[in-house]
Amino acid sequence: MPVIESEEHKALRAAVSALGNRYGRAYFTRTVEEGVPARELWADAGKLGYLGVNLPEEYGGGGGGIAELSIVLEELGAAGCPLLLLVVSPAICGTVIARFGTEAQKREWLPGLSDGTRTMAFGITEPDAGSNAHRITTTARRDPDTGDWLLTGRKVFVSGVDIADATLVVGRTETVSVKEGRTGRLKPCLFIVPRDTEGFQRRKIDMELSAAEKQFELTLDDVRLPADALVGGGPSHAFGSGGEDAGLLQLFAGLNPERIMTAAFAIGMGRYALAKAVEYARDRTVWKAPIGAHQAIAHPLAQAHIELELARLMMQKAAHLYDAGDDVGAGEAANMAKYAAAEACVKAVDQAVHTLGGNGLTREFGLASLVTAARVSRIAPVSREMILNYVSHQTLGLPKSY
C-alpha cells in the first residue's frame, strides 16, 4: 500500500473538491430544507464520471475501486455537500452486481449506476435483526409452477427507497440437500426489487435527523420476482460466482465497501467542521489576539486534525486491501476505519461547535445540524460496540459473549 497518494488520486481529489465547492453547504442545506435530493450535484458528478469511478469500464464506469470512490465522497463531504447515496448505490449495490451479477444484470444496471441516471437502495436491517444478520427473516421461496421468487418480510432504516429505481434486498432461502431434501436452514440471498413492484410497500420513518435522503420501513408481502431477480442467477451457478450458493459472499462484498464509504463520509464531515472552526478561530478576536492563538482553543483543533488524518490512513488501507481482493484483511481494516473515522468526526464536530460558542448553533455557520449527523456514523451501518466485539474476538482472539 503506497503511503504517499498518487498523482492520479491527488488530481481526482482536487477535481471533486472543485465540484463540491461550486455547490457548497448552502446548496446542500437548501435541498434538505426542501426535502429533495441533491439532483443537480448528483447529475454533474455522474456526467464527470465520479459516481461510477469504482465500476468496470466496460459498463461505463471508471475502472477504479473503492479507494477512488472514497476520495469522491470525502471531498464532497469536506465541501459541505456529501452524497449519502454514494455509500449505497455505486459502493454497495454496484460493487455486488459488478462482482457477482449475471451478464444481463451487469448490462442492465451498471451503466446507469455509473453515470447516475439510475440508483439503487439497499435493504438489510430488520426490526428484530439489527446487528444480528443471522436473524433475518425476510424469506424467498420458489413458485414451483412458474419458477418465480416470492419474497416476504420487513426491512427498516432503508435510505432513499422513494427515489431509487430498485432496492437490493437481503433475504434468505431454504437450503435443500440432495440426500435430506429440505433442511429447514436458511441462507442469505440478494434480490433486485424494482421500486414499483406489486406488493413492495414503503412507509417513511419520522426522523429528527435532517437529511435529503429519507428513511423507510419496507414491507414485502409475497412480492413476486422473476427468476433472474436473484443476484448471480440460479443455483446452477458455481459457488463464488453468484446465485443461491454465493449469497454470503455477496453480502460481505457489499458490507466492507459500506464501512469504508461510511468512514469517508465521516472524515469529510469532520474536515468540513474543522475548517469552519479554524477559520473562525483565526479571525475571531475578543481580547488582544485571535482566539486561535490560545492553546485551549488551538490544541483541541490540532488534535481533531490529527485524529482525522489517522482515520483516513486506516480508510485508505481498508480500501487498498479490498481493491486488491483481500476480503478478509479488508473486513478487519474496514471495521477499524469506520470506528476511527466516526470517533474522529464526532470529536471534530463537537470541538468546532464549541470553538464558535453560540455561533456554533446558528444557521449562519451551518454546524449545529452536524451534531446529530456525526453521531449517525457511530451507530450506522454498524455500531461502535459491535466493531469492538469484532476486533476483540476476531483480531485479539478473545472469547465471544454472544
Foldseek 3Di string as FASTA:
>chain_A
DDPDDDPVLVVLLVVLLVLLLVCAQVNFVVLLVVLAAPVVSLQVCLVVQLLQCAACVVQPHVVRHLLSNLSNQLSNLLRNHGHPQSLFFCQQVVQLLRQAADPVSSNVRVNCSRSVVAGEWEFQADPVQQPNSQPAAFEWDADVVQRWIFTFDKTWFIWQLVPHQWYWYKHWYFDQDPVPGTDRHIDIWIFTGGSPQPQWDWDFDDDPQRHSITIIMIGHDRGIGGQSRTGNGDPVDDQSRGHNNDRVVSNLSRVLSSLLSLLSNLLSNLSNLLVLLVVQQQPPDDDDHRNCVDCVLVVLSVVLVVLSVVLVSLSSVLRVCSSVPNSVVSVLSSLVSLLSSLVSSLSSLVSSLVSVDPVSCDVVSPSVSVNVVSCVSCPPPHHNVVSVQCCCCVVVVDDHPD
